[in-house]
Protein backbone atom coordinates (compact mmCIF):
# COMPACT_ATOMS: atom_id res chain seq x y z
CA MET A 1 58.70 61.40 -12.01
CA ARG A 2 61.81 60.86 -9.90
CA ASP A 3 60.33 62.72 -6.94
CA SER A 4 57.09 60.72 -7.23
CA ILE A 5 58.98 57.42 -7.08
CA GLN A 6 60.96 58.61 -4.07
CA ALA A 7 57.77 59.65 -2.29
CA VAL A 8 56.16 56.25 -2.92
CA ILE A 9 59.25 54.42 -1.61
CA LEU A 10 59.29 56.62 1.52
CA MET A 11 55.61 55.97 2.22
CA VAL A 12 55.99 52.23 1.66
CA GLY A 13 59.09 52.23 3.86
CA GLY A 14 57.19 54.00 6.65
CA LEU A 15 54.36 51.47 6.40
CA VAL A 16 56.88 48.59 6.50
CA CYS A 17 58.47 49.98 9.66
CA PHE A 18 55.08 50.44 11.33
CA THR A 19 53.98 46.92 10.37
CA LEU A 20 57.14 45.34 11.78
CA ILE A 21 56.75 47.30 15.02
CA ALA A 22 53.07 46.42 15.43
CA PHE A 23 53.72 42.69 14.84
CA ASP A 24 56.69 42.61 17.26
CA LEU A 25 54.86 44.32 20.13
CA PRO A 26 53.00 41.95 22.47
CA GLY A 27 49.91 44.17 22.40
CA GLY A 28 50.16 45.07 18.74
CA PHE A 29 48.46 48.22 17.44
CA GLY A 30 46.42 48.59 20.63
CA GLN A 31 49.58 48.82 22.72
CA ILE A 32 50.87 51.68 20.55
CA ILE A 33 47.65 53.63 21.12
CA GLU A 34 47.53 52.84 24.85
CA VAL A 35 51.16 53.69 25.65
CA GLY A 36 51.10 56.70 23.32
CA GLN A 37 48.05 58.16 25.06
CA ALA A 38 49.56 57.50 28.49
CA ASN A 39 52.66 59.50 27.50
CA ASN A 40 50.79 62.35 25.70
CA LYS A 41 52.22 61.35 22.32
CA PHE A 42 48.98 62.29 20.56
CA SER A 43 48.65 65.68 22.23
CA LEU A 44 48.64 68.78 20.01
CA GLY A 45 50.22 70.78 22.82
CA SER A 46 48.88 73.49 25.06
CA PHE A 47 46.16 75.69 23.59
CA ASP A 48 47.11 78.62 25.86
CA TRP A 49 48.07 81.84 24.11
CA ASN A 50 51.63 82.20 25.37
CA LEU A 51 54.46 83.99 23.55
CA TYR A 52 57.06 82.35 25.77
CA GLU A 53 56.15 78.68 25.23
CA ARG A 54 55.90 76.28 22.30
CA THR A 55 52.12 76.02 22.34
CA PHE A 56 49.79 74.74 19.61
CA TRP A 57 49.30 78.31 18.34
CA THR A 58 53.04 79.01 18.24
CA VAL A 59 53.74 76.00 16.05
CA ALA A 60 50.61 76.45 13.92
CA ILE A 61 51.35 80.10 13.11
CA LEU A 62 54.97 79.34 12.24
CA GLY A 63 53.80 76.41 10.13
CA VAL A 64 51.43 78.63 8.12
CA ILE A 65 54.13 81.26 7.61
CA ASN A 66 56.66 78.62 6.58
CA TRP A 67 54.16 77.02 4.18
CA LEU A 68 53.25 80.34 2.56
CA MET A 69 56.89 81.36 2.29
CA ILE A 70 57.91 78.12 0.56
CA TYR A 71 54.93 77.82 -1.78
CA SER A 72 54.84 81.44 -2.85
CA GLY A 73 58.50 82.43 -3.06
CA ASP A 74 60.78 79.39 -2.96
CA GLN A 75 62.49 79.03 -6.34
CA ASN A 76 62.35 75.21 -6.17
CA ILE A 77 58.55 75.33 -6.00
CA VAL A 78 57.96 78.32 -8.26
CA GLN A 79 59.92 76.76 -11.12
CA ARG A 80 57.58 73.76 -10.91
CA TYR A 81 54.56 76.04 -11.19
CA ALA A 82 56.16 77.72 -14.17
CA SER A 83 56.87 74.40 -15.90
CA ALA A 84 53.26 73.18 -15.62
CA ARG A 85 51.37 72.91 -18.91
CA SER A 86 48.64 75.26 -17.73
CA MET A 87 47.31 77.13 -14.70
CA ARG A 88 44.81 74.33 -14.18
CA GLU A 89 47.57 71.71 -14.10
CA ALA A 90 49.60 73.79 -11.61
CA ARG A 91 46.57 74.16 -9.33
CA LYS A 92 45.80 70.46 -9.62
CA ALA A 93 49.38 69.49 -8.71
CA THR A 94 49.30 71.82 -5.69
CA ALA A 95 45.99 70.37 -4.51
CA ILE A 96 47.20 66.79 -4.92
CA TYR A 97 50.41 67.52 -3.04
CA SER A 98 48.51 69.22 -0.22
CA ALA A 99 46.14 66.25 0.03
CA ILE A 100 49.05 63.80 0.24
CA ALA A 101 51.44 65.80 2.44
CA LEU A 102 49.33 65.99 5.59
CA PRO A 103 48.54 62.24 5.80
CA MET A 104 52.19 61.49 5.03
CA TRP A 105 53.42 63.75 7.85
CA ILE A 106 50.90 62.24 10.25
CA MET A 107 52.03 58.75 9.25
CA PHE A 108 55.69 59.46 10.02
CA PHE A 109 54.83 61.15 13.30
CA PHE A 110 52.85 58.02 14.16
CA VAL A 111 55.85 55.88 13.19
CA GLY A 112 57.87 57.96 15.66
CA THR A 113 55.33 57.25 18.41
CA SER A 114 55.42 53.55 17.47
CA LEU A 115 59.21 53.57 17.85
CA PHE A 116 58.85 55.18 21.29
CA VAL A 117 56.51 52.38 22.35
CA TYR A 118 58.73 49.72 20.77
CA TYR A 119 61.91 50.75 22.55
CA SER A 120 60.01 51.34 25.80
CA THR A 121 58.93 47.68 25.55
CA PHE A 122 62.28 46.38 24.27
CA PRO A 123 64.96 48.69 25.77
CA ASP A 124 68.17 49.08 23.77
CA GLN A 125 71.25 50.74 25.23
CA ALA A 126 72.33 51.92 21.79
CA VAL A 127 69.03 53.76 21.30
CA ALA A 128 69.37 55.51 24.66
CA ALA A 129 72.52 57.21 23.37
CA LEU A 130 70.93 58.35 20.09
CA GLU A 131 69.27 61.64 19.26
CA ALA A 132 65.57 61.52 18.36
CA ASP A 133 66.28 61.88 14.63
CA GLN A 134 68.61 58.89 14.67
CA VAL A 135 66.20 56.31 16.07
CA LEU A 136 64.29 55.58 12.84
CA PRO A 137 67.48 55.04 10.75
CA TYR A 138 68.79 52.78 13.54
CA PHE A 139 65.57 50.75 13.48
CA ILE A 140 65.69 50.46 9.68
CA LEU A 141 69.31 49.28 9.72
CA THR A 142 68.83 46.78 12.55
CA LYS A 143 65.25 45.49 12.22
CA VAL A 144 64.15 45.92 8.60
CA PRO A 145 65.17 43.15 6.12
CA ALA A 146 68.39 44.04 4.31
CA GLY A 147 67.02 44.57 0.81
CA VAL A 148 64.08 46.68 1.95
CA ALA A 149 66.28 48.67 4.35
CA GLY A 150 68.69 49.52 1.55
CA ILE A 151 65.92 50.76 -0.72
CA VAL A 152 64.38 52.92 2.02
CA ILE A 153 67.73 54.45 3.06
CA ALA A 154 68.58 55.08 -0.60
CA ALA A 155 65.21 56.81 -1.10
CA VAL A 156 65.78 59.02 1.96
CA LEU A 157 69.25 60.03 0.76
CA ALA A 158 67.99 60.58 -2.80
CA ALA A 159 65.14 62.76 -1.55
CA ALA A 160 67.54 64.84 0.56
CA MET A 161 70.01 65.21 -2.31
CA SER A 162 67.19 66.06 -4.72
CA SER A 163 66.07 68.96 -2.51
CA LEU A 164 69.62 70.17 -1.96
CA ASP A 165 70.69 70.08 -5.60
CA SER A 166 67.51 71.92 -6.61
CA GLY A 167 68.25 74.62 -4.03
CA ILE A 168 71.89 74.95 -5.08
CA ASN A 169 70.91 75.15 -8.74
CA ALA A 170 68.28 77.80 -7.93
CA ILE A 171 70.82 79.92 -6.01
CA SER A 172 73.38 79.81 -8.83
CA THR A 173 70.72 80.53 -11.47
CA VAL A 174 69.24 83.49 -9.60
CA SER A 175 72.72 84.88 -8.86
CA VAL A 176 73.69 84.79 -12.54
CA ILE A 177 70.38 85.74 -14.19
CA ASP A 178 69.09 88.33 -11.69
CA LEU A 179 72.34 89.82 -10.36
CA MET A 180 75.30 89.27 -12.66
CA LYS A 181 73.73 89.66 -16.10
CA PRO A 182 71.74 92.86 -15.46
CA HIS A 183 74.02 94.51 -12.87
CA LEU A 184 77.40 93.03 -11.87
CA ALA A 185 78.79 91.58 -15.11
CA LYS A 186 76.94 92.86 -18.18
CA LYS A 187 77.52 91.80 -21.78
CA ARG A 188 79.67 88.74 -21.15
CA ASP A 189 79.54 85.56 -23.22
CA ASP A 190 77.63 82.44 -22.17
CA ARG A 191 80.82 80.60 -21.24
CA TYR A 192 81.57 83.24 -18.60
CA TYR A 193 78.10 82.96 -17.06
CA LEU A 194 78.26 79.15 -17.10
CA LEU A 195 81.60 79.14 -15.27
CA ALA A 196 80.25 81.69 -12.78
CA ALA A 197 77.18 79.52 -12.12
CA ARG A 198 79.40 76.49 -11.51
CA LEU A 199 81.65 78.44 -9.16
CA ILE A 200 78.66 79.77 -7.19
CA ALA A 201 77.20 76.25 -7.00
CA GLY A 202 80.52 74.91 -5.71
CA VAL A 203 80.80 77.58 -3.01
CA VAL A 204 77.20 77.08 -1.92
CA THR A 205 77.74 73.31 -1.77
CA ILE A 206 80.71 73.76 0.57
CA ILE A 207 78.65 76.12 2.77
CA VAL A 208 75.79 73.60 2.88
CA ILE A 209 78.13 70.75 3.87
CA LEU A 210 79.78 72.85 6.58
CA GLY A 211 76.36 73.89 7.87
CA ALA A 212 75.26 70.25 8.03
CA ILE A 213 78.37 69.32 10.00
CA ILE A 214 77.84 72.20 12.44
CA PHE A 215 74.16 71.40 13.00
CA SER A 216 74.97 67.72 13.52
CA LYS A 217 77.42 68.61 16.28
CA ILE A 218 75.46 71.20 18.25
CA GLU A 219 73.24 70.18 21.14
CA LYS A 220 69.62 70.19 20.02
CA GLU A 221 66.20 68.71 20.65
CA SER A 222 65.84 67.47 17.07
CA MET A 223 66.68 68.51 13.53
CA ASN A 224 63.00 69.36 13.02
CA ASP A 225 63.23 71.86 15.88
CA VAL A 226 66.46 73.30 14.47
CA SER A 227 64.82 73.62 11.05
CA LEU A 228 61.86 75.53 12.50
CA ILE A 229 64.14 77.85 14.49
CA VAL A 230 66.35 78.59 11.47
CA THR A 231 63.28 79.22 9.31
CA SER A 232 61.79 81.53 11.93
CA ILE A 233 64.93 83.56 12.64
CA PHE A 234 66.48 83.74 9.17
CA GLY A 235 63.36 83.63 7.01
CA GLY A 236 63.06 87.41 7.00
CA CYS A 237 59.88 88.98 5.64
CA LEU A 238 59.71 87.05 2.37
CA MET A 239 56.27 85.66 3.17
CA GLY A 240 54.91 89.12 3.98
CA LEU A 241 56.34 90.52 0.74
CA PHE A 242 54.64 87.90 -1.41
CA VAL A 243 51.37 88.10 0.52
CA LEU A 244 51.23 91.84 -0.10
CA GLY A 245 52.13 91.28 -3.74
CA PHE A 246 49.28 88.82 -4.19
CA PHE A 247 46.56 90.42 -2.11
CA SER A 248 47.21 94.17 -2.17
CA ASN A 249 46.97 96.64 -5.04
CA ARG A 250 47.91 99.52 -2.76
CA VAL A 251 51.53 98.91 -1.66
CA ASP A 252 54.18 100.17 -4.08
CA GLY A 253 57.89 99.37 -4.25
CA LYS A 254 59.06 102.35 -2.21
CA SER A 255 56.66 101.64 0.66
CA ALA A 256 57.68 97.97 0.64
CA THR A 257 61.39 98.91 0.67
CA ILE A 258 61.00 101.25 3.66
CA ALA A 259 58.97 98.65 5.56
CA MET A 260 61.44 95.92 4.67
CA THR A 261 64.30 97.97 6.08
CA PHE A 262 62.53 98.26 9.44
CA ALA A 263 61.54 94.57 9.36
CA ILE A 264 65.11 93.45 8.70
CA LEU A 265 66.40 95.63 11.54
CA LEU A 266 63.76 94.10 13.83
CA ASN A 267 64.81 90.63 12.65
CA ILE A 268 68.47 91.38 13.42
CA TYR A 269 67.60 92.80 16.84
CA ILE A 270 65.53 89.76 17.85
CA GLY A 271 68.10 87.36 16.40
CA LEU A 272 70.94 88.96 18.36
CA GLY A 273 68.84 88.67 21.51
CA ILE A 274 68.15 84.98 20.91
CA LEU A 275 71.86 84.36 20.33
CA GLY A 276 72.60 86.10 23.66
CA LEU A 277 74.61 88.90 22.06
CA LEU A 278 72.59 91.72 23.65
CA PRO A 279 72.43 92.89 27.28
CA LYS A 280 69.73 91.03 29.18
CA GLY A 281 67.58 94.14 29.62
CA MET A 282 67.43 94.69 25.85
CA ILE A 283 66.36 91.16 24.90
CA LEU A 284 62.79 90.66 23.72
CA GLU A 285 61.64 87.61 25.69
CA ILE A 286 59.67 85.51 23.21
CA HIS A 287 59.86 81.94 21.96
CA LYS A 288 62.15 81.49 18.97
CA TYR A 289 59.23 80.32 16.84
CA TRP A 290 57.54 83.73 17.13
CA VAL A 291 60.29 85.63 15.29
CA ALA A 292 58.84 84.94 11.82
CA ALA A 293 55.35 86.03 12.87
CA LEU A 294 56.59 89.30 14.39
CA VAL A 295 58.88 90.18 11.48
CA ASN A 296 56.36 89.37 8.74
CA GLY A 297 53.47 90.93 10.65
CA SER A 298 55.46 94.12 11.24
CA PHE A 299 56.43 94.30 7.59
CA ILE A 300 52.85 93.88 6.33
CA PHE A 301 51.52 96.47 8.79
CA LEU A 302 54.26 99.02 8.07
CA ALA A 303 54.18 98.59 4.29
CA TYR A 304 50.42 99.02 4.10
CA THR A 305 50.40 101.94 6.57
CA ILE A 306 53.21 103.76 4.75
CA SER A 307 51.48 103.28 1.40
CA ARG A 308 48.26 104.74 2.84
CA ILE A 309 50.13 107.74 4.26
CA ARG A 310 51.91 108.31 0.96
CA ASN A 311 48.63 107.67 -0.89
CA SER A 312 50.57 105.54 -3.34
CA LYS A 313 49.15 103.08 -5.82
CA PRO A 314 51.29 101.01 -8.20
CA LYS A 315 50.51 101.07 -11.89
CA ASN A 316 50.25 98.22 -14.39
CA LEU A 317 49.07 95.53 -11.95
CA GLY A 318 47.08 93.59 -14.54
CA GLY A 319 47.22 89.88 -13.74
CA LEU A 320 49.60 90.34 -10.81
CA THR A 321 47.19 90.38 -7.83
CA VAL A 322 44.01 88.53 -6.93
CA TRP A 323 42.11 91.77 -7.58
CA THR A 324 43.52 92.34 -11.06
CA MET A 325 43.59 88.81 -12.45
CA SER A 326 41.69 88.13 -15.62
CA LYS A 327 38.28 86.59 -14.91
CA LYS A 328 38.80 84.31 -17.85
């Protein structure tokens, strides 16, 4: 319920910003379209197949990988599936979210284009010194009526904190339930595990805050770009692992482990090259966004090939893959 209210406030806030911009501009909505087209603001990017540039295909492939990784293996999302009253309700919620998410993203991208047109028409020295991600908050604080601006900013902060606290809680829960209880600290009382979860949550919180400070200080195109790069480089082969788990009844644990080892080594090698820590002749010259595709693709190919060579086939897969799910 809380997340739904936040989403509604964000959408209303975006519409308020767009309305204020359109009414302030001499040419209104038509000026936004005209200036945006003249400056390629509605372009989807180059459709050339180029591993070295941020083309349409580069971003689209990373987007699909990122989407699959989040909605198949992210604990924040999975726990929502698990808490649904039935499979039908979980599917319905996923479909509704998917139907809302794309228009919402398009709306905020369009708000960004509207801001570009607005400050091109009404130049502001303060805006010229801001990063791209800071322009919308600046507009909200300076142009949106005080009460509405406060609600929108509060909703943005609440949404960010909601995602962060869910992630921190998931990390502490997984660490205690999946690592400490069965392996690292067996047969302890609940008080011990509760204190451990709180300690892990505190440490992770400090790491998150430090990471936010570092990312805010480094030179970057935008936080969206930084997010995509981090996802691509540090996402590993989680998406490939879950895709194989859902769609293959051939790959067993040993084959997946061997393939994962090679995939992680490939990930480390490419990451070191991107960070400039390898000799120039050893660096694989690709765009940063392609790391996730190469790592996950390599993992899927290796895991399936190894399982075929070993002629392995896992047992007891009932209900775990699309091929063994109950028809009912």
